[in-house]
Structure formats: C-alpha cells, structure tokens
Amino acid sequence: MMRKPAILLAAVGALGGCVTVSAPDKPIVINLNINIKQEVVYRLDGKAKAVIDENAEIF
C-alpha cells in the first residue's frame, strides 16, 4: 500500500517540466472587416399622418 504514493510522486516528478512563453518575431495583425448597415422603417397611422401634414411647420 505504500508503493502507490511513491509511484504517484515519481510519475508527477517525471511529468513536471519547464514552460516557456516568448513573444512572436512578427507583430500580430488582426484584420477586422466590419460592415454595418442600418435601415429604419416607420409607418404612420392615417390620422397621425394627417395631423403632421396639417401642422407641417412644427415638424
């Protein structure tokens, strides 16, 4: 029963290593081609349109 922890520690020690992180030689380029299109659709009630037409000077 004492062998299992010893084997486990040996396995963990064998898997341990060094991790290195380095910057790339060339700059990182992120190309964002974004196209935004917005459409506004409105509908007026017949009565509301008549009121606006009658009072065009306030609009």
Protein backbone atom coordinates (compact mmCIF):
# COMPACT_ATOMS: atom_id res chain seq x y z
CA MET A 1 0.00 0.00 0.00
CA MET A 2 2.95 2.34 0.50
CA ARG A 3 4.08 1.80 -3.08
CA LYS A 4 1.17 3.69 -4.67
CA PRO A 5 2.06 7.12 -3.23
CA ALA A 6 5.72 6.63 -4.12
CA ILE A 7 4.82 5.67 -7.70
CA LEU A 8 2.44 8.62 -7.92
CA LEU A 9 5.14 11.06 -6.74
CA ALA A 10 7.62 9.61 -9.21
CA ALA A 11 5.12 9.97 -12.06
CA VAL A 12 4.34 13.58 -11.13
CA GLY A 13 8.05 14.38 -10.96
CA ALA A 14 8.62 12.84 -14.39
CA LEU A 15 5.77 14.83 -15.94
CA GLY A 16 6.86 18.14 -14.44
CA GLY A 17 8.72 20.41 -16.82
CA CYS A 18 9.50 23.93 -17.78
CA VAL A 19 7.03 26.03 -19.72
CA THR A 20 8.45 28.91 -21.74
CA VAL A 21 6.49 31.74 -23.30
CA SER A 22 8.08 34.03 -25.85
CA ALA A 23 6.86 36.90 -27.99
CA PRO A 24 6.46 36.25 -31.73
CA ASP A 25 9.04 37.62 -34.19
CA LYS A 26 6.43 39.44 -36.27
CA PRO A 27 3.65 41.67 -34.93
CA ILE A 28 0.21 40.18 -34.58
CA VAL A 29 -2.17 41.60 -37.19
CA ILE A 30 -5.90 41.50 -36.63
CA ASN A 31 -7.87 42.42 -39.73
CA LEU A 32 -11.44 43.41 -38.95
CA ASN A 33 -13.65 43.92 -41.97
CA ILE A 34 -16.85 45.19 -40.44
CA ASN A 35 -19.77 46.45 -42.47
CA ILE A 36 -22.63 47.98 -40.51
CA LYS A 37 -25.85 48.73 -42.29
CA GLN A 38 -28.89 50.12 -40.58
CA GLU A 39 -32.32 50.56 -42.01
CA VAL A 40 -35.09 52.45 -40.30
CA VAL A 41 -38.61 51.56 -41.33
CA TYR A 42 -41.52 53.51 -39.99
CA ARG A 43 -45.22 53.54 -40.64
CA LEU A 44 -47.66 56.19 -39.58
CA ASP A 45 -51.28 55.79 -38.74
CA GLY A 46 -53.50 57.63 -41.22
CA LYS A 47 -54.72 60.03 -38.55
CA ALA A 48 -51.17 60.75 -37.34
CA LYS A 49 -50.07 61.44 -40.92
CA ALA A 50 -52.97 63.84 -41.38
CA VAL A 51 -52.03 65.72 -38.20
CA ILE A 52 -48.40 66.02 -39.35
CA ASP A 53 -49.49 67.22 -42.79
CA GLU A 54 -51.79 69.81 -41.20
CA ASN A 55 -49.05 71.07 -38.87
CA ALA A 56 -46.00 70.76 -41.10
CA GLU A 57 -44.49 73.97 -39.71
CA ILE A 58 -43.87 72.44 -36.25
CA PHE A 59 -42.11 69.43 -37.66
